[in-house]
């Protein structure tokens, strides 16, 4: 699922060039992914989940003014 919105992301979020493999992120852990899948000027926020309970990852595209 990819949703476009304004993001308010914690300054501690790590920036990656590709999404981490399933199971690598802890539940609730957030990373920023600049892999070109979002519109120009936007970045993808990926939040680790629990693949047993719900979903492994949730993603959201949006603009980030400061990290």
Protein backbone atom coordinates (compact mmCIF):
# COMPACT_ATOMS: atom_id res chain seq x y z
CA UNK A 1 0.00 0.00 0.00
CA UNK A 2 1.41 3.41 -0.96
CA UNK A 3 -0.39 6.57 0.18
CA UNK A 4 0.64 10.12 -0.69
CA UNK A 5 0.58 12.59 2.19
CA UNK A 6 2.64 15.09 4.17
CA UNK A 7 4.98 13.24 6.52
CA UNK A 8 6.04 14.19 9.98
CA UNK A 9 8.96 11.85 10.55
CA UNK A 10 11.27 11.70 13.56
CA UNK A 11 14.76 13.07 13.03
CA UNK A 12 16.20 9.68 14.00
CA UNK A 13 14.72 7.87 10.96
CA UNK A 14 17.38 6.12 8.90
CA UNK A 15 17.53 6.80 5.12
CA UNK A 16 18.03 3.84 2.77
CA UNK A 17 18.21 3.34 -1.02
CA UNK A 18 15.96 0.23 -0.94
CA UNK A 19 13.37 -1.29 1.36
CA UNK A 20 14.83 -3.65 3.95
CA UNK A 21 13.99 -7.37 3.61
CA UNK A 22 10.94 -8.69 5.45
CA UNK A 23 11.68 -9.22 9.11
CA UNK A 24 14.66 -6.85 9.27
CA UNK A 25 12.71 -3.94 10.82
CA UNK A 26 11.39 -4.22 14.36
CA UNK A 27 7.68 -3.61 14.83
CA UNK A 28 7.14 0.17 14.81
CA UNK A 29 10.69 0.97 13.57
CA UNK A 30 10.69 3.66 10.86
CA UNK A 31 13.09 4.15 7.94
CA UNK A 32 13.01 6.49 4.94
CA UNK A 33 13.52 4.89 1.53
CA UNK A 34 14.63 6.88 -1.51
CA UNK A 35 14.17 4.19 -4.18
CA UNK A 36 12.38 6.24 -6.84
CA UNK A 37 8.93 4.70 -6.29
CA UNK A 38 7.40 7.95 -4.99
CA UNK A 39 6.73 11.06 -7.06
CA UNK A 40 9.54 13.54 -7.68
CA UNK A 41 10.38 15.48 -4.51
CA UNK A 42 8.86 12.83 -2.25
CA UNK A 43 10.31 10.01 -0.19
CA UNK A 44 8.85 6.77 1.13
CA UNK A 45 8.42 6.18 4.86
CA UNK A 46 8.45 2.48 5.79
CA UNK A 47 7.28 1.29 9.20
CA UNK A 48 8.04 -2.22 10.40
CA UNK A 49 5.08 -4.35 11.38
CA UNK A 50 4.27 -7.79 12.63
CA UNK A 51 3.73 -10.14 9.68
CA UNK A 52 1.92 -12.62 11.93
CA UNK A 53 -0.67 -10.13 13.30
CA UNK A 54 -1.24 -7.75 10.39
CA UNK A 55 1.32 -6.79 7.77
CA UNK A 56 5.08 -6.89 7.55
CA UNK A 57 5.50 -3.28 6.39
CA UNK A 58 3.43 -0.19 5.84
CA UNK A 59 4.57 2.50 3.42
CA UNK A 60 3.67 6.13 2.86
CA UNK A 61 4.97 8.63 0.28
CA UNK A 62 5.27 12.32 1.09
CA UNK A 63 7.44 15.42 1.34
CA UNK A 64 9.83 15.79 4.22
CA UNK A 65 11.18 19.25 4.94
CA UNK A 66 13.77 18.26 7.56
CA UNK A 67 15.11 15.02 8.96
